[in-house]
Amino acid sequence: MNALDKKKELEEVRMKMTGLEQLQAVIDAGTPPAIGRTMEFDLSEISFGKAIFTGYPGEKHLNPIGTVHGGYAATLLDSALGCAIHTVLEPGERYTTVDLNVKYLRAMLPGMGKVTATAEVVHKGRKIATSEARLIGEDGKLYATGNTTCAIY
């Protein structure tokens, strides 16, 4: 079997699984998406309608003024928000982000320790789903919030 046939076979298997089963398989396999390795964050916990990511902002995430770039928080929140929606998908359903809204409440600094993005689904209909998330530092402070709308297809 060539690589294209293997990819097609894997896609057929994936489309028979619920979103929660798909994400659990990713966690069980220990093969996070490349963005997690690049940004140093992981999908650490999932349940139906909920996803939790943890990250460690560091020096490589700095912007020119010496704080962690807002894109780090946005990417972490976007990942949690999307995966929360992913957990409620039925077999064969997919989604894509329509919008992402982030509110930055305080600056993150390198070496601040672990940050946790917790997202929960607010609504899932036939065509649209929404979720909201909070990004909290290990100091217990709220650093950012986010919400998203996704199209279901």
Protein backbone atom coordinates (compact mmCIF):
# COMPACT_ATOMS: atom_id res chain seq x y z
CA MET A 1 0.00 0.00 0.00
CA ASN A 2 1.44 3.38 -0.98
CA ALA A 3 1.41 6.52 1.17
CA LEU A 4 -1.63 8.01 -0.59
CA ASP A 5 -3.65 4.83 -0.02
CA LYS A 6 -2.64 4.78 3.68
CA LYS A 7 -3.68 8.41 4.07
CA LYS A 8 -7.04 7.70 2.44
CA GLU A 9 -7.59 4.65 4.67
CA LEU A 10 -6.77 6.65 7.82
CA GLU A 11 -9.22 9.36 6.76
CA GLU A 12 -11.96 6.75 6.28
CA VAL A 13 -11.32 5.39 9.79
CA ARG A 14 -11.29 8.92 11.26
CA MET A 15 -14.61 9.80 9.65
CA LYS A 16 -16.27 6.88 11.49
CA MET A 17 -15.16 8.23 14.88
CA THR A 18 -16.75 10.95 16.99
CA GLY A 19 -14.71 14.09 17.53
CA LEU A 20 -14.07 13.07 21.13
CA GLU A 21 -12.77 9.67 19.96
CA GLN A 22 -10.51 11.36 17.40
CA LEU A 23 -8.93 13.66 19.97
CA GLN A 24 -8.56 10.86 22.50
CA ALA A 25 -6.67 8.88 19.83
CA VAL A 26 -4.32 11.85 19.34
CA ILE A 27 -3.65 12.02 23.09
CA ASP A 28 -3.21 8.24 23.36
CA ALA A 29 -0.79 8.15 20.41
CA GLY A 30 1.38 10.86 21.96
CA THR A 31 1.65 12.60 18.60
CA PRO A 32 0.54 16.20 19.10
CA PRO A 33 0.10 18.47 16.08
CA ALA A 34 3.22 20.35 15.00
CA ILE A 35 1.83 23.68 16.25
CA GLY A 36 1.95 22.34 19.81
CA ARG A 37 5.61 21.42 19.48
CA THR A 38 6.43 24.77 17.86
CA MET A 39 4.60 26.84 20.48
CA GLU A 40 5.38 24.54 23.44
CA PHE A 41 1.85 23.65 24.48
CA ASP A 42 -0.12 20.42 24.76
CA LEU A 43 -3.68 19.19 24.74
CA SER A 44 -3.74 17.91 28.30
CA GLU A 45 -7.36 16.97 28.95
CA ILE A 46 -10.61 16.48 27.05
CA SER A 47 -14.16 15.52 27.81
CA PHE A 48 -17.42 16.02 25.96
CA GLY A 49 -17.69 19.76 25.30
CA LYS A 50 -14.43 20.67 27.01
CA ALA A 51 -10.73 20.91 26.15
CA ILE A 52 -7.77 21.98 28.28
CA PHE A 53 -4.40 23.01 26.90
CA THR A 54 -1.29 23.81 28.93
CA GLY A 55 1.70 25.81 27.78
CA TYR A 56 4.95 27.32 28.96
CA PRO A 57 5.56 30.75 27.43
CA GLY A 58 9.25 31.47 27.17
CA GLU A 59 11.92 33.64 25.60
CA LYS A 60 11.28 32.32 22.10
CA HIS A 61 7.71 33.69 22.32
CA LEU A 62 8.73 37.29 23.04
CA ASN A 63 7.62 40.32 21.07
CA PRO A 64 9.94 43.33 20.52
CA ILE A 65 8.93 44.95 23.84
CA GLY A 66 9.94 41.94 25.96
CA THR A 67 6.58 40.40 26.79
CA VAL A 68 5.11 37.19 25.40
CA HIS A 69 3.59 37.94 22.00
CA GLY A 70 -0.21 38.12 22.00
CA GLY A 71 -0.21 35.53 19.24
CA TYR A 72 0.89 32.94 21.79
CA ALA A 73 -2.24 33.50 23.90
CA ALA A 74 -4.42 33.68 20.77
CA THR A 75 -3.03 30.42 19.40
CA LEU A 76 -3.41 28.64 22.73
CA LEU A 77 -7.00 29.89 23.11
CA ASP A 78 -7.83 29.09 19.46
CA SER A 79 -6.58 25.53 19.93
CA ALA A 80 -8.61 25.00 23.10
CA LEU A 81 -11.74 26.62 21.63
CA GLY A 82 -11.60 24.54 18.45
CA CYS A 83 -10.85 21.29 20.26
CA ALA A 84 -13.76 21.86 22.66
CA ILE A 85 -16.04 22.02 19.62
CA HIS A 86 -14.25 19.05 18.08
CA THR A 87 -15.26 16.93 21.10
CA VAL A 88 -18.97 17.32 20.31
CA LEU A 89 -18.76 16.38 16.62
CA GLU A 90 -20.62 13.31 15.37
CA PRO A 91 -18.91 10.84 13.03
CA GLY A 92 -18.46 12.42 9.62
CA GLU A 93 -18.83 16.02 10.86
CA ARG A 94 -16.10 18.59 10.44
CA TYR A 95 -15.76 22.22 11.41
CA THR A 96 -13.92 25.36 10.47
CA THR A 97 -13.44 28.57 12.41
CA VAL A 98 -15.63 31.51 11.39
CA ASP A 99 -14.24 33.96 13.92
CA LEU A 100 -11.95 34.17 16.92
CA ASN A 101 -12.17 36.89 19.54
CA VAL A 102 -9.46 37.40 22.15
CA LYS A 103 -9.41 39.83 25.06
CA TYR A 104 -5.96 40.41 26.58
CA LEU A 105 -6.17 41.27 30.27
CA ARG A 106 -2.53 41.32 31.36
CA ALA A 107 0.88 40.69 29.84
CA MET A 108 2.54 37.29 30.00
CA LEU A 109 6.25 37.19 30.75
CA PRO A 110 8.85 34.57 29.86
CA GLY A 111 9.53 32.15 32.69
CA MET A 112 6.15 32.81 34.32
CA GLY A 113 5.47 29.07 34.44
CA LYS A 114 2.53 27.10 33.17
CA VAL A 115 -0.53 28.70 31.62
CA THR A 116 -3.78 26.80 31.16
CA ALA A 117 -6.44 27.46 28.53
CA THR A 118 -9.78 25.87 29.41
CA ALA A 119 -12.51 25.97 26.78
CA GLU A 120 -16.11 24.83 26.91
CA VAL A 121 -18.79 24.59 24.25
CA VAL A 122 -21.60 27.10 24.68
CA HIS A 123 -23.78 25.85 21.82
CA LYS A 124 -23.68 23.27 19.05
CA GLY A 125 -26.37 23.25 16.41
CA ARG A 126 -26.57 21.62 13.01
CA LYS A 127 -24.54 24.34 11.26
CA ILE A 128 -22.93 26.54 13.95
CA ALA A 129 -21.09 25.92 17.23
CA THR A 130 -19.64 28.37 19.74
CA SER A 131 -17.24 28.00 22.63
CA GLU A 132 -15.53 30.23 25.19
CA ALA A 133 -12.23 29.96 27.04
CA ARG A 134 -10.10 31.42 29.82
CA LEU A 135 -6.30 31.54 29.95
CA ILE A 136 -5.04 31.37 33.53
CA GLY A 137 -1.47 31.42 34.80
CA GLU A 138 -0.14 29.15 37.53
CA ASP A 139 -0.31 32.27 39.71
CA GLY A 140 -4.13 32.00 39.46
CA LYS A 141 -4.44 35.24 37.48
CA LEU A 142 -6.60 35.57 34.37
CA TYR A 143 -4.46 36.61 31.39
CA ALA A 144 -6.90 36.43 28.48
CA THR A 145 -10.32 35.23 27.45
CA GLY A 146 -11.58 34.12 24.08
CA ASN A 147 -14.57 32.89 22.17
CA THR A 148 -15.13 31.43 18.76
CA THR A 149 -17.84 30.59 16.30
CA CYS A 150 -17.32 27.59 14.04
CA ALA A 151 -19.23 26.36 11.02
CA ILE A 152 -20.19 22.67 11.12
CA TYR A 153 -20.21 20.77 7.82
